[in-house]
Amino acid sequence: MKLPKTSSLLLAFLTAPSFVWPQACPKVTLTPSTQQTMQSLVFSVNCLIDTSEQARSRSAENPRPGLLVEGISITGAQHTRPYPKIVFAVVAVPAGGTMKMSLATSDNPETKASSPASECKIRINPDNTIDAQCGTTSGTLFVVFHR
């Protein structure tokens, strides 16, 4: 007797070895014995912890490259932490119902944004930190950097 194609695929899927697809952690079984239920619960929780730690360590070993953005409120003079590799920084200051913005890059490391109420200046330093200073009205610094 010859099986139809769909039955062959279904049979192959059901009988595939367990290493092809990861096994889920066992579910907690409720039993009349409190000790057995607690053992089942502990076993399941330990399995979930092991599985999540393995997944976390795999992602830490192979971090995906990408860009991150950090926003910092500027009041007065401030010096930021060092960033891995700054792509650019934007300073924004409120001006009426809008925002005045200015861009700083490694080619043009100093910039300022002005409004009638205040002026904000930023400078990207050679050590990948940023110096920022705003007048009476606070501004916002956006730092775009590589992970």
Protein backbone atom coordinates (compact mmCIF):
# COMPACT_ATOMS: atom_id res chain seq x y z
CA MET A 1 0.00 0.00 0.00
CA LYS A 2 1.38 3.36 -1.02
CA LEU A 3 0.77 6.39 1.25
CA PRO A 4 -0.36 9.71 -0.24
CA LYS A 5 2.19 12.54 -0.31
CA THR A 6 0.51 14.50 2.52
CA SER A 7 0.51 11.43 4.75
CA SER A 8 4.21 10.87 4.08
CA LEU A 9 5.01 14.46 5.04
CA LEU A 10 2.90 14.23 8.19
CA LEU A 11 4.53 10.94 9.16
CA ALA A 12 8.02 12.41 8.63
CA PHE A 13 7.08 15.45 10.73
CA LEU A 14 5.74 13.35 13.61
CA THR A 15 8.63 10.91 13.68
CA ALA A 16 11.45 13.47 13.24
CA PRO A 17 14.18 13.21 15.86
CA SER A 18 13.92 15.49 18.85
CA PHE A 19 17.17 17.29 18.01
CA VAL A 20 15.55 18.85 14.94
CA TRP A 21 13.09 20.90 17.04
CA PRO A 22 13.87 21.98 20.59
CA GLN A 23 11.72 20.36 23.22
CA ALA A 24 9.55 22.55 25.42
CA CYS A 25 9.90 22.40 29.16
CA PRO A 26 7.55 19.96 30.86
CA LYS A 27 4.31 21.28 32.27
CA VAL A 28 3.67 21.20 35.98
CA THR A 29 1.61 18.18 36.96
CA LEU A 30 -0.70 18.58 39.88
CA THR A 31 -0.80 15.45 42.02
CA PRO A 32 -2.39 14.63 45.35
CA SER A 33 1.13 14.63 46.83
CA THR A 34 2.39 18.13 47.60
CA GLN A 35 6.00 16.94 47.43
CA GLN A 36 5.60 15.55 43.89
CA THR A 37 3.83 18.71 42.73
CA MET A 38 6.63 20.87 44.18
CA GLN A 39 9.27 18.68 42.49
CA SER A 40 7.45 19.03 39.18
CA LEU A 41 7.22 22.81 39.65
CA VAL A 42 10.93 23.13 40.51
CA PHE A 43 11.92 20.95 37.55
CA SER A 44 9.83 23.06 35.14
CA VAL A 45 11.12 26.37 36.48
CA ASN A 46 14.74 25.16 36.29
CA CYS A 47 14.15 24.08 32.69
CA LEU A 48 12.72 27.51 31.79
CA ILE A 49 15.68 29.27 33.42
CA ASP A 50 18.20 27.05 31.58
CA THR A 51 16.43 27.59 28.26
CA SER A 52 16.29 31.38 28.64
CA GLU A 53 19.94 31.58 29.78
CA GLN A 54 21.05 29.54 26.77
CA ALA A 55 19.10 31.82 24.43
CA ARG A 56 20.52 34.91 26.13
CA SER A 57 24.10 33.66 25.92
CA ARG A 58 23.69 32.84 22.21
CA SER A 59 22.48 36.36 21.47
CA ALA A 60 25.31 37.89 23.55
CA GLU A 61 27.91 35.91 21.60
CA ASN A 62 26.61 37.23 18.27
CA PRO A 63 25.34 40.77 18.83
CA ARG A 64 23.73 42.19 15.74
CA PRO A 65 25.26 45.43 14.54
CA GLY A 66 22.96 48.37 14.61
CA LEU A 67 22.38 51.95 15.65
CA LEU A 68 21.17 53.10 19.03
CA VAL A 69 19.80 56.51 20.03
CA GLU A 70 20.05 58.06 23.45
CA GLY A 71 18.15 61.21 24.43
CA ILE A 72 19.45 63.45 27.22
CA SER A 73 17.84 66.54 28.70
CA ILE A 74 20.32 69.42 28.90
CA THR A 75 20.11 71.96 31.70
CA GLY A 76 23.19 74.09 32.20
CA ALA A 77 26.53 72.54 31.25
CA GLN A 78 26.86 68.76 30.97
CA HIS A 79 29.45 66.20 29.92
CA THR A 80 28.18 62.81 28.66
CA ARG A 81 29.54 59.32 29.04
CA PRO A 82 31.78 57.91 26.28
CA TYR A 83 29.93 56.26 23.39
CA PRO A 84 31.35 53.37 21.30
CA LYS A 85 31.25 55.14 17.91
CA ILE A 86 29.21 58.31 17.49
CA VAL A 87 27.54 58.66 14.10
CA PHE A 88 26.04 62.08 14.82
CA ALA A 89 24.45 64.16 17.57
CA VAL A 90 21.47 66.50 17.38
CA VAL A 91 20.73 69.33 19.77
CA ALA A 92 17.13 70.58 19.97
CA VAL A 93 15.76 73.63 21.75
CA PRO A 94 12.08 74.66 21.94
CA ALA A 95 11.18 77.76 19.94
CA GLY A 96 7.55 78.78 20.26
CA GLY A 97 5.45 75.89 18.97
CA THR A 98 8.36 74.20 17.16
CA MET A 99 11.85 72.87 17.83
CA LYS A 100 15.07 74.36 16.48
CA MET A 101 17.63 71.65 15.79
CA SER A 102 21.23 71.44 14.75
CA LEU A 103 23.44 68.50 13.76
CA ALA A 104 27.02 67.68 14.81
CA THR A 105 29.17 65.01 13.14
CA SER A 106 32.80 63.93 13.36
CA ASP A 107 33.52 66.24 10.39
CA ASN A 108 31.72 69.17 12.05
CA PRO A 109 31.95 68.45 15.80
CA GLU A 110 30.57 71.75 17.12
CA THR A 111 27.10 73.17 16.56
CA LYS A 112 24.44 75.30 18.25
CA ALA A 113 20.68 75.71 18.10
CA SER A 114 19.15 79.05 19.06
CA SER A 115 15.69 80.24 19.94
CA PRO A 116 14.48 83.58 21.33
CA ALA A 117 14.39 82.01 24.79
CA SER A 118 17.73 80.18 24.84
CA GLU A 119 20.76 78.85 23.00
CA CYS A 120 22.16 75.30 23.21
CA LYS A 121 25.67 74.27 22.09
CA ILE A 122 27.20 70.81 21.73
CA ARG A 123 30.68 69.54 20.90
CA ILE A 124 31.72 65.96 20.09
CA ASN A 125 35.08 65.36 21.78
CA PRO A 126 37.89 63.13 20.45
CA ASP A 127 37.26 60.67 23.34
CA ASN A 128 33.66 60.07 22.07
CA THR A 129 32.05 62.09 24.85
CA ILE A 130 29.87 65.14 24.23
CA ASP A 131 29.95 68.51 25.96
CA ALA A 132 26.56 70.22 25.99
CA GLN A 133 25.40 73.54 27.36
CA CYS A 134 22.05 75.34 27.31
CA GLY A 135 21.05 78.79 28.54
CA THR A 136 17.86 79.55 30.45
CA THR A 137 15.60 77.04 28.66
CA SER A 138 16.61 73.37 28.72
CA GLY A 139 17.25 71.55 25.47
CA THR A 140 17.55 67.95 24.37
CA LEU A 141 20.60 66.10 23.06
CA PHE A 142 20.10 63.06 20.83
CA VAL A 143 23.17 60.86 20.33
CA VAL A 144 23.11 58.31 17.49
CA PHE A 145 25.88 55.70 17.85
CA HIS A 146 26.86 52.21 16.71
CA ARG A 147 26.23 49.34 19.08
